[in-house]
Amino acid sequence: MDKVFQSVFYLFLIIILFKLSQFAYRVIRERKYRKELAQSGMPYID
């Protein structure tokens, strides 16, 4: 029973880490995109 709980726990941990990394990647990509827009002199369009 303990092994089942442990495997489920690790599975959730991996899923959470995956979601966090996806979110972080999106935020970083958006920041780079905004920096490029600012450098090109274009007004930021929402």
PDB file of N, CA and C in Angstrom:
ATOM      1  N   MET A   1       0.838  -1.205   0.000  1.00  0.00           N
ATOM      2  CA  MET A   1       0.000   0.000   0.000  1.00  0.00           C
ATOM      3  C   MET A   1       0.873   1.255   0.000  1.00  0.00           C
ATOM      4  N   ASP A   2       1.974   1.182   0.726  1.00  0.00           N
ATOM      5  CA  ASP A   2       2.864   2.334   0.817  1.00  0.00           C
ATOM      6  C   ASP A   2       3.486   2.653  -0.541  1.00  0.00           C
ATOM      7  N   LYS A   3       3.803   1.599  -1.288  1.00  0.00           N
ATOM      8  CA  LYS A   3       4.423   1.795  -2.603  1.00  0.00           C
ATOM      9  C   LYS A   3       3.457   2.490  -3.563  1.00  0.00           C
ATOM     10  N   VAL A   4       2.185   2.139  -3.475  1.00  0.00           N
ATOM     11  CA  VAL A   4       1.176   2.754  -4.346  1.00  0.00           C
ATOM     12  C   VAL A   4       1.089   4.246  -4.049  1.00  0.00           C
ATOM     13  N   PHE A   5       1.013   4.591  -2.771  1.00  0.00           N
ATOM     14  CA  PHE A   5       0.935   5.995  -2.367  1.00  0.00           C
ATOM     15  C   PHE A   5       2.167   6.757  -2.842  1.00  0.00           C
ATOM     16  N   GLN A   6       3.326   6.144  -2.692  1.00  0.00           N
ATOM     17  CA  GLN A   6       4.577   6.790  -3.086  1.00  0.00           C
ATOM     18  C   GLN A   6       4.623   7.045  -4.596  1.00  0.00           C
ATOM     19  N   SER A   7       4.195   6.063  -5.373  1.00  0.00           N
ATOM     20  CA  SER A   7       4.217   6.229  -6.830  1.00  0.00           C
ATOM     21  C   SER A   7       3.226   7.306  -7.273  1.00  0.00           C
ATOM     22  N   VAL A   8       2.048   7.349  -6.640  1.00  0.00           N
ATOM     23  CA  VAL A   8       1.058   8.383  -6.966  1.00  0.00           C
ATOM     24  C   VAL A   8       1.608   9.758  -6.604  1.00  0.00           C
ATOM     25  N   PHE A   9       2.265   9.848  -5.454  1.00  0.00           N
ATOM     26  CA  PHE A   9       2.855  11.108  -5.009  1.00  0.00           C
ATOM     27  C   PHE A   9       3.901  11.595  -6.005  1.00  0.00           C
ATOM     28  N   TYR A  10       4.774  10.700  -6.445  1.00  0.00           N
ATOM     29  CA  TYR A  10       5.811  11.085  -7.406  1.00  0.00           C
ATOM     30  C   TYR A  10       5.198  11.488  -8.746  1.00  0.00           C
ATOM     31  N   LEU A  11       4.141  10.804  -9.137  1.00  0.00           N
ATOM     32  CA  LEU A  11       3.458  11.143 -10.382  1.00  0.00           C
ATOM     33  C   LEU A  11       2.906  12.568 -10.320  1.00  0.00           C
ATOM     34  N   PHE A  12       2.241  12.903  -9.201  1.00  0.00           N
ATOM     35  CA  PHE A  12       1.720  14.253  -9.022  1.00  0.00           C
ATOM     36  C   PHE A  12       2.844  15.277  -9.022  1.00  0.00           C
ATOM     37  N   LEU A  13       3.943  14.936  -8.375  1.00  0.00           N
ATOM     38  CA  LEU A  13       5.091  15.840  -8.302  1.00  0.00           C
ATOM     39  C   LEU A  13       5.622  16.139  -9.703  1.00  0.00           C
ATOM     40  N   ILE A  14       5.734  15.113 -10.527  1.00  0.00           N
ATOM     41  CA  ILE A  14       6.227  15.284 -11.897  1.00  0.00           C
ATOM     42  C   ILE A  14       5.256  16.144 -12.710  1.00  0.00           C
ATOM     43  N   ILE A  15       3.961  15.901 -12.547  1.00  0.00           N
ATOM     44  CA  ILE A  15       2.960  16.683 -13.280  1.00  0.00           C
ATOM     45  C   ILE A  15       3.033  18.152 -12.877  1.00  0.00           C
ATOM     46  N   ILE A  16       3.143  18.420 -11.576  1.00  0.00           N
ATOM     47  CA  ILE A  16       3.212  19.797 -11.086  1.00  0.00           C
ATOM     48  C   ILE A  16       4.465  20.487 -11.623  1.00  0.00           C
ATOM     49  N   LEU A  17       5.598  19.795 -11.579  1.00  0.00           N
ATOM     50  CA  LEU A  17       6.843  20.373 -12.093  1.00  0.00           C
ATOM     51  C   LEU A  17       6.720  20.672 -13.586  1.00  0.00           C
ATOM     52  N   PHE A  18       6.079  19.784 -14.316  1.00  0.00           N
ATOM     53  CA  PHE A  18       5.896  19.977 -15.753  1.00  0.00           C
ATOM     54  C   PHE A  18       5.043  21.210 -16.035  1.00  0.00           C
ATOM     55  N   LYS A  19       3.949  21.362 -15.277  1.00  0.00           N
ATOM     56  CA  LYS A  19       3.071  22.516 -15.457  1.00  0.00           C
ATOM     57  C   LYS A  19       3.810  23.808 -15.119  1.00  0.00           C
ATOM     58  N   LEU A  20       4.588  23.782 -14.033  1.00  0.00           N
ATOM     59  CA  LEU A  20       5.345  24.965 -13.632  1.00  0.00           C
ATOM     60  C   LEU A  20       6.363  25.347 -14.695  1.00  0.00           C
ATOM     61  N   SER A  21       7.044  24.369 -15.251  1.00  0.00           N
ATOM     62  CA  SER A  21       8.058  24.665 -16.266  1.00  0.00           C
ATOM     63  C   SER A  21       7.404  25.229 -17.531  1.00  0.00           C
ATOM     64  N   GLN A  22       6.232  24.721 -17.888  1.00  0.00           N
ATOM     65  CA  GLN A  22       5.511  25.262 -19.040  1.00  0.00           C
ATOM     66  C   GLN A  22       5.144  26.721 -18.796  1.00  0.00           C
ATOM     67  N   PHE A  23       4.652  27.020 -17.582  1.00  0.00           N
ATOM     68  CA  PHE A  23       4.263  28.386 -17.240  1.00  0.00           C
ATOM     69  C   PHE A  23       5.470  29.314 -17.263  1.00  0.00           C
ATOM     70  N   ALA A  24       6.582  28.858 -16.671  1.00  0.00           N
ATOM     71  CA  ALA A  24       7.803  29.669 -16.637  1.00  0.00           C
ATOM     72  C   ALA A  24       8.302  29.936 -18.058  1.00  0.00           C
ATOM     73  N   TYR A  25       8.258  28.929 -18.911  1.00  0.00           N
ATOM     74  CA  TYR A  25       8.701  29.088 -20.296  1.00  0.00           C
ATOM     75  C   TYR A  25       7.848  30.131 -21.016  1.00  0.00           C
ATOM     76  N   ARG A  26       6.543  30.086 -20.788  1.00  0.00           N
ATOM     77  CA  ARG A  26       5.637  31.037 -21.429  1.00  0.00           C
ATOM     78  C   ARG A  26       5.934  32.464 -20.966  1.00  0.00           C
ATOM     79  N   VAL A  27       6.166  32.638 -19.655  1.00  0.00           N
ATOM     80  CA  VAL A  27       6.447  33.967 -19.104  1.00  0.00           C
ATOM     81  C   VAL A  27       7.750  34.514 -19.679  1.00  0.00           C
ATOM     82  N   ILE A  28       8.784  33.672 -19.723  1.00  0.00           N
ATOM     83  CA  ILE A  28      10.086  34.108 -20.244  1.00  0.00           C
ATOM     84  C   ILE A  28       9.974  34.476 -21.722  1.00  0.00           C
ATOM     85  N   ARG A  29       9.253  33.659 -22.482  1.00  0.00           N
ATOM     86  CA  ARG A  29       9.091  33.930 -23.910  1.00  0.00           C
ATOM     87  C   ARG A  29       8.347  35.248 -24.123  1.00  0.00           C
ATOM     88  N   GLU A  30       7.331  35.510 -23.294  1.00  0.00           N
ATOM     89  CA  GLU A  30       6.562  36.745 -23.411  1.00  0.00           C
ATOM     90  C   GLU A  30       7.434  37.953 -23.089  1.00  0.00           C
ATOM     91  N   ARG A  31       8.296  37.830 -22.081  1.00  0.00           N
ATOM     92  CA  ARG A  31       9.195  38.931 -21.733  1.00  0.00           C
ATOM     93  C   ARG A  31      10.149  39.233 -22.878  1.00  0.00           C
ATOM     94  N   LYS A  32      10.703  38.187 -23.490  1.00  0.00           N
ATOM     95  CA  LYS A  32      11.613  38.389 -24.623  1.00  0.00           C
ATOM     96  C   LYS A  32      10.871  39.077 -25.764  1.00  0.00           C
ATOM     97  N   TYR A  33       9.639  38.653 -25.993  1.00  0.00           N
ATOM     98  CA  TYR A  33       8.832  39.232 -27.066  1.00  0.00           C
ATOM     99  C   TYR A  33       8.583  40.716 -26.812  1.00  0.00           C
ATOM    100  N   ARG A  34       8.265  41.065 -25.562  1.00  0.00           N
ATOM    101  CA  ARG A  34       8.020  42.466 -25.221  1.00  0.00           C
ATOM    102  C   ARG A  34       9.292  43.293 -25.349  1.00  0.00           C
ATOM    103  N   LYS A  35      10.433  42.720 -24.969  1.00  0.00           N
ATOM    104  CA  LYS A  35      11.706  43.436 -25.103  1.00  0.00           C
ATOM    105  C   LYS A  35      11.999  43.721 -26.568  1.00  0.00           C
ATOM    106  N   GLU A  36      11.772  42.732 -27.427  1.00  0.00           N
ATOM    107  CA  GLU A  36      12.008  42.925 -28.854  1.00  0.00           C
ATOM    108  C   GLU A  36      11.089  44.010 -29.409  1.00  0.00           C
ATOM    109  N   LEU A  37       9.847  44.027 -28.973  1.00  0.00           N
ATOM    110  CA  LEU A  37       8.910  45.058 -29.416  1.00  0.00           C
ATOM    111  C   LEU A  37       9.379  46.433 -28.957  1.00  0.00           C
ATOM    112  N   ALA A  38       9.852  46.526 -27.717  1.00  0.00           N
ATOM    113  CA  ALA A  38      10.311  47.803 -27.176  1.00  0.00           C
ATOM    114  C   ALA A  38      11.545  48.294 -27.926  1.00  0.00           C
ATOM    115  N   GLN A  39      12.437  47.382 -28.276  1.00  0.00           N
ATOM    116  CA  GLN A  39      13.664  47.764 -28.974  1.00  0.00           C
ATOM    117  C   GLN A  39      13.378  48.202 -30.409  1.00  0.00           C
ATOM    118  N   SER A  40      12.380  47.614 -31.024  1.00  0.00           N
ATOM    119  CA  SER A  40      12.078  47.952 -32.412  1.00  0.00           C
ATOM    120  C   SER A  40      11.361  49.300 -32.515  1.00  0.00           C
ATOM    121  N   GLY A  41      10.909  49.832 -31.386  1.00  0.00           N
ATOM    122  CA  GLY A  41      10.270  51.142 -31.387  1.00  0.00           C
ATOM    123  C   GLY A  41       8.788  51.096 -31.708  1.00  0.00           C
ATOM    124  N   MET A  42       8.246  49.905 -31.861  1.00  0.00           N
ATOM    125  CA  MET A  42       6.811  49.786 -32.120  1.00  0.00           C
ATOM    126  C   MET A  42       6.032  49.961 -30.825  1.00  0.00           C
ATOM    127  N   PRO A  43       4.919  50.659 -30.869  1.00  0.00           N
ATOM    128  CA  PRO A  43       4.091  50.744 -29.655  1.00  0.00           C
ATOM    129  C   PRO A  43       3.506  49.371 -29.324  1.00  0.00           C
ATOM    130  N   TYR A  44       3.427  49.075 -28.059  1.00  0.00           N
ATOM    131  CA  TYR A  44       2.926  47.763 -27.646  1.00  0.00           C
ATOM    132  C   TYR A  44       1.429  47.660 -27.903  1.00  0.00           C
ATOM    133  N   ILE A  45       1.048  46.687 -28.692  1.00  0.00           N
ATOM    134  CA  ILE A  45      -0.367  46.481 -29.014  1.00  0.00           C
ATOM    135  C   ILE A  45      -0.899  45.341 -28.155  1.00  0.00           C
ATOM    136  N   ASP A  46      -1.940  45.607 -27.430  1.00  0.00           N
ATOM    137  CA  ASP A  46      -2.492  44.605 -26.523  1.00  0.00           C
ATOM    138  C   ASP A  46      -3.246  43.540 -27.291  1.00  0.00           C
TER     139      ASP A  46
END
